Amino acid sequence: MALIICKECNERISDKAKSCPKCGYQKKKSNGCFWIFIAITILTILLYLIGSNTDENSETNSMNIYDSAIYYDWRTANSSEFLTLGKIILENDFKVCGEYQVKKLNESEYLIGCTPDGITWHYRTVDINKRKLYYLPPSINEKIKAPR
């Protein structure tokens, strides 16, 4: 048991005491920093894991990605998409994302734009039914307008 100084009256009190016996000052429980640390750690791990990369020789999706990408605005994935797409990204070892934006192409396919630095963007299509990421050839990558 250690003695600490009461913040209210500067009296020495036990670190186990819930309040100061002299002035009644209640010690505050400080577990907020712990949860902030946990949240930042989890976010850091997710961002690291999302930054995985598919094999550059993977087959490309047969749909015309460029035409579909023109008609949809880039946006941040909503919470359910974030979980679904994040799991698929991890399963397919896609490692270039620090940030990603999405375009929903149809009910089961998304176009994902990933950037490690906010300048260079890499694009993949994701088929959520097949749980696969598809590499886009450079000719299509060059035609897609960057998210920002």
C-alpha atoms as a PDB file:
ATOM      1  CA  MET A   1       0.000   0.000   0.000  1.00  0.00           C
ATOM      2  CA  ALA A   2       1.438   3.368  -1.045  1.00  0.00           C
ATOM      3  CA  LEU A   3       0.550   6.844   0.063  1.00  0.00           C
ATOM      4  CA  ILE A   4      -0.597   9.401  -2.475  1.00  0.00           C
ATOM      5  CA  ILE A   5      -1.516  13.070  -2.148  1.00  0.00           C
ATOM      6  CA  CYS A   6      -5.224  14.040  -2.214  1.00  0.00           C
ATOM      7  CA  LYS A   7      -5.795  16.407  -5.151  1.00  0.00           C
ATOM      8  CA  GLU A   8      -8.294  18.437  -3.140  1.00  0.00           C
ATOM      9  CA  CYS A   9      -6.699  18.985   0.314  1.00  0.00           C
ATOM     10  CA  ASN A  10      -3.096  17.755  -0.250  1.00  0.00           C
ATOM     11  CA  GLU A  11      -3.400  15.274   2.638  1.00  0.00           C
ATOM     12  CA  ARG A  12      -1.556  11.939   2.366  1.00  0.00           C
ATOM     13  CA  ILE A  13      -4.006   9.074   1.775  1.00  0.00           C
ATOM     14  CA  SER A  14      -3.802   5.401   0.859  1.00  0.00           C
ATOM     15  CA  ASP A  15      -3.776   4.597  -2.826  1.00  0.00           C
ATOM     16  CA  LYS A  16      -6.439   1.985  -2.022  1.00  0.00           C
ATOM     17  CA  ALA A  17      -8.852   4.556  -0.503  1.00  0.00           C
ATOM     18  CA  LYS A  18     -11.889   5.374  -2.651  1.00  0.00           C
ATOM     19  CA  SER A  19     -12.126   8.849  -1.122  1.00  0.00           C
ATOM     20  CA  CYS A  20     -10.091  11.148   1.106  1.00  0.00           C
ATOM     21  CA  PRO A  21     -10.983  10.616   4.803  1.00  0.00           C
ATOM     22  CA  LYS A  22     -10.315  14.306   5.538  1.00  0.00           C
ATOM     23  CA  CYS A  23     -12.162  16.169   2.762  1.00  0.00           C
ATOM     24  CA  GLY A  24     -14.202  13.385   1.102  1.00  0.00           C
ATOM     25  CA  TYR A  25     -12.694  13.953  -2.366  1.00  0.00           C
ATOM     26  CA  GLN A  26     -13.530  10.918  -4.552  1.00  0.00           C
ATOM     27  CA  LYS A  27     -10.708   9.526  -6.690  1.00  0.00           C
ATOM     28  CA  LYS A  28     -11.671   9.071 -10.293  1.00  0.00           C
ATOM     29  CA  LYS A  29     -11.180   5.752 -11.998  1.00  0.00           C
ATOM     30  CA  SER A  30      -8.957   6.282 -15.010  1.00  0.00           C
ATOM     31  CA  ASN A  31      -9.572   3.526 -17.510  1.00  0.00           C
ATOM     32  CA  GLY A  32     -10.325   5.891 -20.418  1.00  0.00           C
ATOM     33  CA  CYS A  33      -6.693   5.910 -21.548  1.00  0.00           C
ATOM     34  CA  PHE A  34      -6.694   2.126 -21.539  1.00  0.00           C
ATOM     35  CA  TRP A  35      -9.651   1.972 -23.964  1.00  0.00           C
ATOM     36  CA  ILE A  36      -8.179   4.667 -26.194  1.00  0.00           C
ATOM     37  CA  PHE A  37      -4.936   2.659 -26.320  1.00  0.00           C
ATOM     38  CA  ILE A  38      -6.872  -0.537 -27.182  1.00  0.00           C
ATOM     39  CA  ALA A  39      -8.865   1.242 -29.935  1.00  0.00           C
ATOM     40  CA  ILE A  40      -5.722   2.753 -31.490  1.00  0.00           C
ATOM     41  CA  THR A  41      -3.940  -0.612 -31.331  1.00  0.00           C
ATOM     42  CA  ILE A  42      -6.828  -2.418 -33.028  1.00  0.00           C
ATOM     43  CA  LEU A  43      -7.108   0.281 -35.703  1.00  0.00           C
ATOM     44  CA  THR A  44      -3.364   0.118 -36.359  1.00  0.00           C
ATOM     45  CA  ILE A  45      -3.470  -3.669 -36.695  1.00  0.00           C
ATOM     46  CA  LEU A  46      -6.473  -3.490 -39.052  1.00  0.00           C
ATOM     47  CA  LEU A  47      -4.788  -0.880 -41.238  1.00  0.00           C
ATOM     48  CA  TYR A  48      -1.619  -2.967 -41.367  1.00  0.00           C
ATOM     49  CA  LEU A  49      -3.525  -6.116 -42.245  1.00  0.00           C
ATOM     50  CA  ILE A  50      -5.681  -4.360 -44.834  1.00  0.00           C
ATOM     51  CA  GLY A  51      -2.507  -3.273 -46.547  1.00  0.00           C
ATOM     52  CA  SER A  52      -2.007  -6.712 -48.084  1.00  0.00           C
ATOM     53  CA  ASN A  53      -1.442  -7.332 -51.796  1.00  0.00           C
ATOM     54  CA  THR A  54      -2.878  -9.894 -54.216  1.00  0.00           C
ATOM     55  CA  ASP A  55      -0.675 -11.793 -56.633  1.00  0.00           C
ATOM     56  CA  GLU A  56       0.002  -9.507 -59.586  1.00  0.00           C
ATOM     57  CA  ASN A  57      -0.763 -12.371 -61.983  1.00  0.00           C
ATOM     58  CA  SER A  58      -4.309 -13.002 -60.736  1.00  0.00           C
ATOM     59  CA  GLU A  59      -6.948 -13.144 -63.410  1.00  0.00           C
ATOM     60  CA  THR A  60      -8.946  -9.955 -63.981  1.00  0.00           C
ATOM     61  CA  ASN A  61     -12.674  -9.666 -63.578  1.00  0.00           C
ATOM     62  CA  SER A  62     -14.509 -10.057 -66.875  1.00  0.00           C
ATOM     63  CA  MET A  63     -16.805  -7.035 -66.421  1.00  0.00           C
ATOM     64  CA  ASN A  64     -15.836  -3.648 -67.820  1.00  0.00           C
ATOM     65  CA  ILE A  65     -14.558  -2.025 -64.622  1.00  0.00           C
ATOM     66  CA  TYR A  66     -13.702   1.270 -66.243  1.00  0.00           C
ATOM     67  CA  ASP A  67     -17.247   1.870 -67.521  1.00  0.00           C
ATOM     68  CA  SER A  68     -18.781   0.938 -64.174  1.00  0.00           C
ATOM     69  CA  ALA A  69     -16.314   3.054 -62.219  1.00  0.00           C
ATOM     70  CA  ILE A  70     -17.215   6.221 -64.119  1.00  0.00           C
ATOM     71  CA  TYR A  71     -20.815   6.207 -62.909  1.00  0.00           C
ATOM     72  CA  TYR A  72     -20.209   5.735 -59.196  1.00  0.00           C
ATOM     73  CA  ASP A  73     -18.641   8.095 -56.675  1.00  0.00           C
ATOM     74  CA  TRP A  74     -15.882   6.951 -54.380  1.00  0.00           C
ATOM     75  CA  ARG A  75     -16.863   6.685 -50.730  1.00  0.00           C
ATOM     76  CA  THR A  76     -15.681   5.255 -47.431  1.00  0.00           C
ATOM     77  CA  ALA A  77     -16.986   1.744 -46.781  1.00  0.00           C
ATOM     78  CA  ASN A  78     -19.876   1.592 -44.308  1.00  0.00           C
ATOM     79  CA  SER A  79     -19.485  -0.583 -41.216  1.00  0.00           C
ATOM     80  CA  SER A  80     -20.878  -3.824 -42.693  1.00  0.00           C
ATOM     81  CA  GLU A  81     -18.914  -3.343 -45.934  1.00  0.00           C
ATOM     82  CA  PHE A  82     -15.786  -2.532 -43.918  1.00  0.00           C
ATOM     83  CA  LEU A  83     -16.050  -5.857 -42.085  1.00  0.00           C
ATOM     84  CA  THR A  84     -16.885  -7.921 -45.177  1.00  0.00           C
ATOM     85  CA  LEU A  85     -14.339  -6.277 -47.470  1.00  0.00           C
ATOM     86  CA  GLY A  86     -11.705  -6.176 -44.719  1.00  0.00           C
ATOM     87  CA  LYS A  87     -11.958  -9.942 -44.195  1.00  0.00           C
ATOM     88  CA  ILE A  88     -11.682 -10.599 -47.941  1.00  0.00           C
ATOM     89  CA  ILE A  89      -8.702  -8.227 -48.206  1.00  0.00           C
ATOM     90  CA  LEU A  90      -6.991 -10.095 -45.374  1.00  0.00           C
ATOM     91  CA  GLU A  91      -7.787 -13.529 -46.827  1.00  0.00           C
ATOM     92  CA  ASN A  92      -6.284 -12.472 -50.172  1.00  0.00           C
ATOM     93  CA  ASP A  93      -3.107 -10.934 -48.667  1.00  0.00           C
ATOM     94  CA  PHE A  94      -3.545  -7.452 -50.200  1.00  0.00           C
ATOM     95  CA  LYS A  95      -0.770  -5.233 -48.728  1.00  0.00           C
ATOM     96  CA  VAL A  96      -0.723  -1.698 -50.130  1.00  0.00           C
ATOM     97  CA  CYS A  97      -3.526   0.018 -48.233  1.00  0.00           C
ATOM     98  CA  GLY A  98      -3.138   2.690 -45.666  1.00  0.00           C
ATOM     99  CA  GLU A  99      -6.557   3.986 -46.694  1.00  0.00           C
ATOM    100  CA  TYR A 100      -9.190   2.637 -49.014  1.00  0.00           C
ATOM    101  CA  GLN A 101     -12.267   3.928 -50.803  1.00  0.00           C
ATOM    102  CA  VAL A 102     -14.975   1.843 -52.469  1.00  0.00           C
ATOM    103  CA  LYS A 103     -17.435   1.899 -55.335  1.00  0.00           C
ATOM    104  CA  LYS A 104     -20.222  -0.661 -55.331  1.00  0.00           C
ATOM    105  CA  LEU A 105     -20.445  -1.999 -58.871  1.00  0.00           C
ATOM    106  CA  ASN A 106     -23.341  -4.416 -58.322  1.00  0.00           C
ATOM    107  CA  GLU A 107     -24.777  -6.551 -55.521  1.00  0.00           C
ATOM    108  CA  SER A 108     -21.683  -8.722 -55.194  1.00  0.00           C
ATOM    109  CA  GLU A 109     -18.810  -6.653 -56.608  1.00  0.00           C
ATOM    110  CA  TYR A 110     -16.898  -3.630 -55.415  1.00  0.00           C
ATOM    111  CA  LEU A 111     -14.085  -1.584 -56.863  1.00  0.00           C
ATOM    112  CA  ILE A 112     -11.548  -0.752 -54.150  1.00  0.00           C
ATOM    113  CA  GLY A 113      -9.048   2.075 -54.438  1.00  0.00           C
ATOM    114  CA  CYS A 114      -6.158   1.699 -51.978  1.00  0.00           C
ATOM    115  CA  THR A 115      -3.377   4.137 -51.217  1.00  0.00           C
ATOM    116  CA  PRO A 116      -0.325   3.751 -49.012  1.00  0.00           C
ATOM    117  CA  ASP A 117       0.474   7.487 -49.170  1.00  0.00           C
ATOM    118  CA  GLY A 118      -2.649   9.397 -50.331  1.00  0.00           C
ATOM    119  CA  ILE A 119      -1.106   9.960 -53.767  1.00  0.00           C
ATOM    120  CA  THR A 120      -0.498   6.580 -55.406  1.00  0.00           C
ATOM    121  CA  TRP A 121      -3.676   4.518 -55.818  1.00  0.00           C
ATOM    122  CA  HIS A 122      -3.992   0.790 -56.521  1.00  0.00           C
ATOM    123  CA  TYR A 123      -7.278  -0.724 -57.668  1.00  0.00           C
ATOM    124  CA  ARG A 124      -8.809  -4.146 -57.251  1.00  0.00           C
ATOM    125  CA  THR A 125     -12.249  -5.574 -57.741  1.00  0.00           C
ATOM    126  CA  VAL A 126     -13.719  -7.676 -54.982  1.00  0.00           C
ATOM    127  CA  ASP A 127     -16.289 -10.399 -55.527  1.00  0.00           C
ATOM    128  CA  ILE A 128     -17.907 -10.871 -52.120  1.00  0.00           C
ATOM    129  CA  ASN A 129     -19.673 -14.088 -53.167  1.00  0.00           C
ATOM    130  CA  LYS A 130     -16.438 -15.749 -54.317  1.00  0.00           C
ATOM    131  CA  ARG A 131     -14.428 -13.930 -51.594  1.00  0.00           C
ATOM    132  CA  LYS A 132     -11.772 -13.039 -54.180  1.00  0.00           C
ATOM    133  CA  LEU A 133      -9.772  -9.950 -55.088  1.00  0.00           C
ATOM    134  CA  TYR A 134      -9.007  -9.448 -58.766  1.00  0.00           C
ATOM    135  CA  TYR A 135      -5.992  -7.577 -60.055  1.00  0.00           C
ATOM    136  CA  LEU A 136      -6.703  -4.882 -62.647  1.00  0.00           C
ATOM    137  CA  PRO A 137      -4.237  -4.484 -65.509  1.00  0.00           C
ATOM    138  CA  PRO A 138      -2.353  -1.161 -65.800  1.00  0.00           C
ATOM    139  CA  SER A 139      -4.427  -0.136 -68.835  1.00  0.00           C
ATOM    140  CA  ILE A 140      -7.572  -0.106 -66.677  1.00  0.00           C
ATOM    141  CA  ASN A 141      -5.809   1.319 -63.596  1.00  0.00           C
ATOM    142  CA  GLU A 142      -4.740   4.351 -65.644  1.00  0.00           C
ATOM    143  CA  LYS A 143      -8.329   5.080 -66.753  1.00  0.00           C
ATOM    144  CA  ILE A 144      -9.867   5.071 -63.277  1.00  0.00           C
ATOM    145  CA  LYS A 145     -10.156   8.482 -61.654  1.00  0.00           C
ATOM    146  CA  ALA A 146      -8.470   8.543 -58.234  1.00  0.00           C
ATOM    147  CA  PRO A 147     -10.787   8.877 -55.223  1.00  0.00           C
ATOM    148  CA  ARG A 148      -9.354  12.306 -54.323  1.00  0.00           C
END
